[in-house]
Amino acid sequence: MKPSALREMTRDELIQKLSEIREAQFNLTFQHATGQLDNTAQLPKNRKDMARILTILSEMDGKA
């Protein structure tokens, strides 16, 4: 996701999105370990999305 799109979301929406991405990351990691994952590029993409969301959440905490 683009950071500009994430910055438009509310704190609750960001937390929900982070939860969804973490669950997807777990499933992708499990598939990768069992050799069933076809698109391995999704793993780093999810990690970067999680980092973006966590960064924006920490920025929100600093401004409050």
C-alpha atoms as a PDB file:
ATOM      1  CA  MET A   1       0.000   0.000   0.000  1.00  0.00           C
ATOM      2  CA  LYS A   2       1.049   3.539  -0.585  1.00  0.00           C
ATOM      3  CA  PRO A   3       1.880   5.630   2.478  1.00  0.00           C
ATOM      4  CA  SER A   4      -0.441   8.399   1.315  1.00  0.00           C
ATOM      5  CA  ALA A   5      -3.376   5.981   1.331  1.00  0.00           C
ATOM      6  CA  LEU A   6      -2.414   4.743   4.784  1.00  0.00           C
ATOM      7  CA  ARG A   7      -2.151   8.273   6.196  1.00  0.00           C
ATOM      8  CA  GLU A   8      -5.787   8.907   5.217  1.00  0.00           C
ATOM      9  CA  MET A   9      -6.965   5.984   7.358  1.00  0.00           C
ATOM     10  CA  THR A  10      -8.022   6.316  10.970  1.00  0.00           C
ATOM     11  CA  ARG A  11      -6.059   4.711  13.795  1.00  0.00           C
ATOM     12  CA  ASP A  12      -8.617   1.897  14.158  1.00  0.00           C
ATOM     13  CA  GLU A  13      -8.538   1.186  10.427  1.00  0.00           C
ATOM     14  CA  LEU A  14      -4.738   1.015  10.506  1.00  0.00           C
ATOM     15  CA  ILE A  15      -4.786  -1.415  13.413  1.00  0.00           C
ATOM     16  CA  GLN A  16      -7.323  -3.584  11.579  1.00  0.00           C
ATOM     17  CA  LYS A  17      -5.232  -3.502   8.394  1.00  0.00           C
ATOM     18  CA  LEU A  18      -2.102  -4.411  10.366  1.00  0.00           C
ATOM     19  CA  SER A  19      -3.905  -7.391  11.864  1.00  0.00           C
ATOM     20  CA  GLU A  20      -5.004  -8.567   8.404  1.00  0.00           C
ATOM     21  CA  ILE A  21      -1.493  -8.245   6.994  1.00  0.00           C
ATOM     22  CA  ARG A  22       0.048 -10.093   9.950  1.00  0.00           C
ATOM     23  CA  GLU A  23      -2.391 -12.960   9.451  1.00  0.00           C
ATOM     24  CA  ALA A  24      -1.625 -13.052   5.726  1.00  0.00           C
ATOM     25  CA  GLN A  25       2.118 -12.989   6.480  1.00  0.00           C
ATOM     26  CA  PHE A  26       1.743 -15.966   8.811  1.00  0.00           C
ATOM     27  CA  ASN A  27      -0.121 -17.921   6.131  1.00  0.00           C
ATOM     28  CA  LEU A  28       2.438 -17.011   3.457  1.00  0.00           C
ATOM     29  CA  THR A  29       5.322 -18.038   5.709  1.00  0.00           C
ATOM     30  CA  PHE A  30       3.618 -21.352   6.395  1.00  0.00           C
ATOM     31  CA  GLN A  31       3.033 -21.944   2.672  1.00  0.00           C
ATOM     32  CA  HIS A  32       6.644 -21.045   1.915  1.00  0.00           C
ATOM     33  CA  ALA A  33       7.905 -23.503   4.517  1.00  0.00           C
ATOM     34  CA  THR A  34       5.814 -26.314   3.050  1.00  0.00           C
ATOM     35  CA  GLY A  35       6.781 -25.486  -0.532  1.00  0.00           C
ATOM     36  CA  GLN A  36       3.308 -24.436  -1.630  1.00  0.00           C
ATOM     37  CA  LEU A  37       3.988 -20.720  -2.159  1.00  0.00           C
ATOM     38  CA  ASP A  38       4.146 -19.638  -5.802  1.00  0.00           C
ATOM     39  CA  ASN A  39       4.615 -15.874  -5.404  1.00  0.00           C
ATOM     40  CA  THR A  40       7.524 -15.423  -3.013  1.00  0.00           C
ATOM     41  CA  ALA A  41       7.625 -11.663  -3.723  1.00  0.00           C
ATOM     42  CA  GLN A  42       4.574 -11.286  -1.484  1.00  0.00           C
ATOM     43  CA  LEU A  43       6.639 -12.016   1.649  1.00  0.00           C
ATOM     44  CA  PRO A  44       8.810  -8.859   1.599  1.00  0.00           C
ATOM     45  CA  LYS A  45       5.879  -6.786   0.337  1.00  0.00           C
ATOM     46  CA  ASN A  46       3.853  -7.693   3.429  1.00  0.00           C
ATOM     47  CA  ARG A  47       6.788  -6.970   5.733  1.00  0.00           C
ATOM     48  CA  LYS A  48       7.200  -3.516   4.179  1.00  0.00           C
ATOM     49  CA  ASP A  49       3.469  -2.818   4.479  1.00  0.00           C
ATOM     50  CA  MET A  50       3.576  -3.779   8.165  1.00  0.00           C
ATOM     51  CA  ALA A  51       6.547  -1.462   8.713  1.00  0.00           C
ATOM     52  CA  ARG A  52       4.750   1.394   6.951  1.00  0.00           C
ATOM     53  CA  ILE A  53       1.662   0.973   9.105  1.00  0.00           C
ATOM     54  CA  LEU A  54       3.700   0.763  12.310  1.00  0.00           C
ATOM     55  CA  THR A  55       5.624   3.896  11.318  1.00  0.00           C
ATOM     56  CA  ILE A  56       2.438   5.847  10.659  1.00  0.00           C
ATOM     57  CA  LEU A  57       0.935   4.648  13.949  1.00  0.00           C
ATOM     58  CA  SER A  58       4.012   5.808  15.843  1.00  0.00           C
ATOM     59  CA  GLU A  59       3.832   9.170  14.060  1.00  0.00           C
ATOM     60  CA  MET A  60       0.204   9.483  15.186  1.00  0.00           C
ATOM     61  CA  ASP A  61       1.218   8.746  18.772  1.00  0.00           C
ATOM     62  CA  GLY A  62       3.922  11.407  18.627  1.00  0.00           C
ATOM     63  CA  LYS A  63       1.569  14.113  17.364  1.00  0.00           C
ATOM     64  CA  ALA A  64      -1.132  13.464  19.955  1.00  0.00           C
END
